[in-house]
N, C-alpha and C. Protein backbone atom coordinates (compact mmCIF):
# COMPACT_ATOMS: atom_id res chain seq x y z
N MET A 1 -101.95 168.28 46.81
CA MET A 1 -102.91 169.37 46.76
C MET A 1 -104.23 168.87 46.18
N THR A 2 -105.33 169.20 46.81
CA THR A 2 -106.64 168.74 46.35
C THR A 2 -107.42 169.84 45.66
N GLY A 3 -106.92 171.07 45.68
CA GLY A 3 -107.62 172.19 45.07
C GLY A 3 -107.32 172.29 43.59
N SER A 4 -107.17 173.52 43.13
CA SER A 4 -106.93 173.77 41.71
C SER A 4 -105.82 174.79 41.54
N ARG A 5 -105.24 174.78 40.36
CA ARG A 5 -104.16 175.71 40.03
C ARG A 5 -104.49 176.45 38.75
N VAL A 6 -104.01 177.69 38.69
CA VAL A 6 -104.20 178.54 37.51
C VAL A 6 -102.85 179.13 37.16
N LYS A 7 -102.40 178.89 35.93
CA LYS A 7 -101.09 179.39 35.49
C LYS A 7 -101.19 180.88 35.17
N LEU A 8 -100.28 181.66 35.75
CA LEU A 8 -100.23 183.10 35.47
C LEU A 8 -99.46 183.34 34.18
N PRO A 9 -99.95 184.18 33.29
CA PRO A 9 -99.17 184.56 32.11
C PRO A 9 -97.86 185.23 32.55
N ARG A 10 -96.81 185.08 31.75
CA ARG A 10 -95.48 185.58 32.11
C ARG A 10 -95.43 187.07 32.38
N GLN A 11 -96.26 187.86 31.70
CA GLN A 11 -96.20 189.31 31.86
C GLN A 11 -96.79 189.81 33.17
N ILE A 12 -97.44 188.94 33.93
CA ILE A 12 -98.06 189.35 35.18
C ILE A 12 -97.07 189.22 36.32
N ALA A 13 -96.84 190.35 37.00
CA ALA A 13 -95.95 190.39 38.16
C ALA A 13 -96.66 191.14 39.28
N PRO A 14 -96.32 190.83 40.53
CA PRO A 14 -96.94 191.55 41.64
C PRO A 14 -96.66 193.05 41.54
N PRO A 15 -97.56 193.87 42.01
CA PRO A 15 -98.83 193.53 42.64
C PRO A 15 -99.93 193.31 41.61
N PHE A 16 -100.84 192.42 41.89
CA PHE A 16 -102.00 192.17 41.04
C PHE A 16 -103.17 191.78 41.93
N THR A 17 -104.38 191.83 41.35
CA THR A 17 -105.57 191.41 42.08
C THR A 17 -106.23 190.26 41.34
N VAL A 18 -106.80 189.34 42.10
CA VAL A 18 -107.38 188.13 41.55
C VAL A 18 -108.88 188.13 41.82
N TYR A 19 -109.64 187.74 40.80
CA TYR A 19 -111.10 187.64 40.91
C TYR A 19 -111.53 186.23 40.51
N ARG A 20 -112.41 185.65 41.31
CA ARG A 20 -113.02 184.37 40.97
C ARG A 20 -114.50 184.63 40.74
N ASN A 21 -114.95 184.39 39.54
CA ASN A 21 -116.35 184.63 39.17
C ASN A 21 -116.76 186.07 39.49
N GLY A 22 -115.83 187.00 39.28
CA GLY A 22 -116.11 188.41 39.48
C GLY A 22 -115.98 188.90 40.91
N VAL A 23 -115.61 188.02 41.83
CA VAL A 23 -115.49 188.38 43.25
C VAL A 23 -114.02 188.48 43.62
N LEU A 24 -113.62 189.60 44.21
CA LEU A 24 -112.24 189.82 44.62
C LEU A 24 -111.81 188.75 45.62
N GLN A 25 -110.63 188.16 45.38
CA GLN A 25 -110.10 187.12 46.25
C GLN A 25 -108.94 187.69 47.08
N SER A 26 -108.69 187.10 48.24
CA SER A 26 -107.63 187.55 49.13
C SER A 26 -106.49 186.53 49.13
N GLU A 27 -105.27 187.03 48.86
CA GLU A 27 -104.11 186.15 48.90
C GLU A 27 -103.91 185.66 50.33
N GLY A 28 -103.60 184.38 50.46
CA GLY A 28 -103.40 183.78 51.77
C GLY A 28 -104.67 183.14 52.31
N THR A 29 -105.82 183.68 51.95
CA THR A 29 -107.10 183.12 52.40
C THR A 29 -107.75 182.32 51.28
N ASP A 30 -107.91 182.96 50.11
CA ASP A 30 -108.60 182.33 48.98
C ASP A 30 -107.64 181.65 48.01
N TYR A 31 -106.39 182.10 47.96
CA TYR A 31 -105.40 181.53 47.06
C TYR A 31 -104.00 181.85 47.57
N THR A 32 -103.01 181.13 47.05
CA THR A 32 -101.60 181.44 47.28
C THR A 32 -100.91 181.49 45.92
N VAL A 33 -99.76 182.13 45.88
CA VAL A 33 -98.97 182.21 44.65
C VAL A 33 -97.70 181.40 44.85
N ARG A 34 -97.45 180.46 43.91
CA ARG A 34 -96.26 179.63 44.00
C ARG A 34 -95.81 179.21 42.61
N ASP A 35 -94.55 179.48 42.29
CA ASP A 35 -93.95 179.05 41.02
C ASP A 35 -94.77 179.49 39.81
N GLY A 36 -95.23 180.74 39.79
CA GLY A 36 -95.97 181.25 38.65
C GLY A 36 -97.39 180.72 38.53
N MET A 37 -97.90 180.15 39.61
CA MET A 37 -99.24 179.59 39.61
C MET A 37 -100.04 180.17 40.76
N LEU A 38 -101.33 180.35 40.54
CA LEU A 38 -102.26 180.64 41.62
C LEU A 38 -102.78 179.29 42.10
N GLU A 39 -102.71 179.05 43.40
CA GLU A 39 -103.20 177.79 43.96
C GLU A 39 -104.41 178.07 44.83
N PHE A 40 -105.51 177.44 44.49
CA PHE A 40 -106.77 177.61 45.20
C PHE A 40 -107.07 176.34 45.99
N PRO A 41 -107.48 176.46 47.26
CA PRO A 41 -107.85 175.25 48.00
C PRO A 41 -109.16 174.64 47.47
N ALA A 42 -109.98 175.46 46.83
CA ALA A 42 -111.27 174.99 46.29
C ALA A 42 -111.06 174.28 44.95
N GLN A 43 -111.95 173.36 44.64
CA GLN A 43 -111.93 172.68 43.35
C GLN A 43 -112.62 173.58 42.33
N LEU A 44 -111.87 174.07 41.35
CA LEU A 44 -112.42 174.93 40.30
C LEU A 44 -112.68 174.11 39.06
N LYS A 45 -113.70 174.50 38.30
CA LYS A 45 -114.03 173.78 37.07
C LYS A 45 -114.44 174.76 35.98
N LYS A 46 -114.11 174.41 34.75
CA LYS A 46 -114.60 175.14 33.58
C LYS A 46 -115.53 174.19 32.84
N ASP A 47 -116.74 174.63 32.63
CA ASP A 47 -117.73 173.80 31.95
C ASP A 47 -117.50 173.88 30.45
N LYS A 48 -117.39 172.74 29.83
CA LYS A 48 -117.27 172.68 28.37
C LYS A 48 -118.65 172.38 27.81
N ILE A 49 -119.12 173.26 26.97
CA ILE A 49 -120.47 173.11 26.42
C ILE A 49 -120.40 172.31 25.13
N SER A 50 -121.03 171.16 25.15
CA SER A 50 -121.07 170.32 23.95
C SER A 50 -122.05 170.91 22.94
N GLY A 51 -121.99 170.43 21.73
CA GLY A 51 -122.91 170.88 20.69
C GLY A 51 -124.36 170.61 21.08
N TRP A 52 -124.61 169.46 21.71
CA TRP A 52 -125.96 169.10 22.12
C TRP A 52 -126.47 170.06 23.19
N ARG A 53 -125.65 170.37 24.21
CA ARG A 53 -126.07 171.29 25.26
C ARG A 53 -126.30 172.68 24.69
N TRP A 54 -125.48 173.09 23.72
CA TRP A 54 -125.67 174.40 23.10
C TRP A 54 -127.02 174.42 22.37
N PHE A 55 -127.30 173.36 21.62
CA PHE A 55 -128.54 173.27 20.86
C PHE A 55 -129.75 173.33 21.79
N VAL A 56 -129.74 172.57 22.87
CA VAL A 56 -130.84 172.55 23.82
C VAL A 56 -130.98 173.94 24.46
N GLY A 57 -129.86 174.57 24.81
CA GLY A 57 -129.88 175.90 25.41
C GLY A 57 -130.45 176.95 24.47
N ALA A 58 -130.21 176.78 23.18
CA ALA A 58 -130.73 177.72 22.20
C ALA A 58 -132.26 177.72 22.18
N TRP A 59 -132.87 176.62 22.62
CA TRP A 59 -134.32 176.52 22.69
C TRP A 59 -134.86 176.93 24.05
N GLY A 60 -134.00 177.48 24.89
CA GLY A 60 -134.45 178.00 26.18
C GLY A 60 -134.44 177.00 27.31
N VAL A 61 -133.87 175.82 27.08
CA VAL A 61 -133.78 174.82 28.13
C VAL A 61 -132.40 174.95 28.77
N GLY A 62 -132.35 175.28 30.05
CA GLY A 62 -131.07 175.49 30.71
C GLY A 62 -130.45 174.22 31.23
N THR A 63 -129.15 174.11 31.08
CA THR A 63 -128.37 173.03 31.70
C THR A 63 -127.24 173.73 32.44
N TYR A 64 -127.28 173.69 33.74
CA TYR A 64 -126.32 174.45 34.55
C TYR A 64 -125.33 173.54 35.22
N ARG A 65 -124.07 173.90 35.09
CA ARG A 65 -122.98 173.19 35.74
C ARG A 65 -122.01 174.22 36.28
N GLN A 66 -121.11 173.77 37.13
CA GLN A 66 -120.11 174.68 37.69
C GLN A 66 -119.21 175.20 36.58
N HIS A 67 -119.04 176.52 36.55
CA HIS A 67 -118.16 177.15 35.57
C HIS A 67 -117.45 178.32 36.25
N ASP A 68 -116.22 178.09 36.65
CA ASP A 68 -115.44 179.12 37.34
C ASP A 68 -114.62 179.90 36.34
N SER A 69 -114.51 181.20 36.60
CA SER A 69 -113.70 182.08 35.78
C SER A 69 -112.71 182.81 36.68
N ILE A 70 -111.43 182.74 36.34
CA ILE A 70 -110.39 183.43 37.10
C ILE A 70 -109.84 184.55 36.23
N ASP A 71 -109.91 185.77 36.78
CA ASP A 71 -109.41 186.96 36.10
C ASP A 71 -108.37 187.62 37.00
N VAL A 72 -107.34 188.23 36.38
CA VAL A 72 -106.29 188.90 37.13
C VAL A 72 -106.10 190.30 36.56
N ARG A 73 -106.19 191.31 37.43
CA ARG A 73 -105.93 192.71 37.04
C ARG A 73 -104.51 193.04 37.47
N TYR A 74 -103.72 193.59 36.53
CA TYR A 74 -102.31 193.88 36.78
C TYR A 74 -101.90 195.13 36.01
N GLN A 75 -100.69 195.59 36.26
CA GLN A 75 -100.13 196.76 35.57
C GLN A 75 -99.03 196.30 34.62
N LEU A 76 -99.01 196.86 33.42
CA LEU A 76 -97.96 196.59 32.45
C LEU A 76 -97.62 197.89 31.76
N ASN A 77 -96.37 198.31 31.90
CA ASN A 77 -95.91 199.58 31.33
C ASN A 77 -96.79 200.75 31.77
N GLY A 78 -97.19 200.73 33.04
CA GLY A 78 -97.97 201.82 33.59
C GLY A 78 -99.44 201.81 33.23
N GLN A 79 -99.89 200.79 32.51
CA GLN A 79 -101.30 200.70 32.13
C GLN A 79 -101.96 199.51 32.82
N SER A 80 -103.20 199.72 33.24
CA SER A 80 -103.96 198.65 33.87
C SER A 80 -104.42 197.65 32.81
N ARG A 81 -104.21 196.37 33.07
CA ARG A 81 -104.60 195.30 32.14
C ARG A 81 -105.44 194.26 32.88
N LEU A 82 -106.18 193.48 32.12
CA LEU A 82 -106.99 192.42 32.70
C LEU A 82 -106.78 191.14 31.89
N ALA A 83 -106.33 190.10 32.58
CA ALA A 83 -106.23 188.77 31.97
C ALA A 83 -107.49 188.02 32.38
N GLU A 84 -108.33 187.69 31.41
CA GLU A 84 -109.64 187.10 31.69
C GLU A 84 -109.68 185.61 31.38
N GLY A 85 -110.46 184.89 32.18
CA GLY A 85 -110.73 183.48 31.90
C GLY A 85 -109.47 182.63 31.82
N LEU A 86 -108.56 182.81 32.77
CA LEU A 86 -107.32 182.03 32.75
C LEU A 86 -107.61 180.53 32.88
N ASP A 87 -106.74 179.73 32.28
CA ASP A 87 -106.96 178.29 32.26
C ASP A 87 -106.74 177.66 33.63
N ILE A 88 -107.64 176.80 34.00
CA ILE A 88 -107.54 176.02 35.23
C ILE A 88 -106.87 174.71 34.86
N VAL A 89 -105.81 174.37 35.59
CA VAL A 89 -105.07 173.14 35.30
C VAL A 89 -105.28 172.15 36.43
N SER A 90 -105.04 170.89 36.14
CA SER A 90 -105.22 169.86 37.17
C SER A 90 -104.16 170.02 38.24
N PRO A 91 -104.41 169.54 39.45
CA PRO A 91 -103.45 169.69 40.55
C PRO A 91 -102.10 169.05 40.27
N GLU A 92 -102.04 168.04 39.44
CA GLU A 92 -100.78 167.34 39.17
C GLU A 92 -99.85 168.13 38.26
N GLU A 93 -100.40 169.05 37.44
CA GLU A 93 -99.60 169.77 36.46
C GLU A 93 -98.71 170.80 37.12
C-alpha cells in the first residue's frame, strides 16, 4: 500500500462518517475500512511544528506544509460523537 492508514478508536463502529480536512469522504472512493483502520490511497501527512517555525510564525511569517486532519463522526450510546485529529500511521504499521 502506498497511501496512508488511520487507526480507528475501539469505540467507533459502523455506521460512521469520515472527514478529511473538513470535507466529507466516501467509503470505497476516498477510503476503505480494514482491520480497524481507515485506508486512504492518498499520502496523508501531519505537520509537526518545531519551536523555530512556531517562533517565526508568531512574527507573522508563514511556513506552510501539508497538514491533514482526519475526523470521524459516530454514535455512542445514542449520542453523536466526534473523534478529531486521528493519528496517521505509516503504511507498514
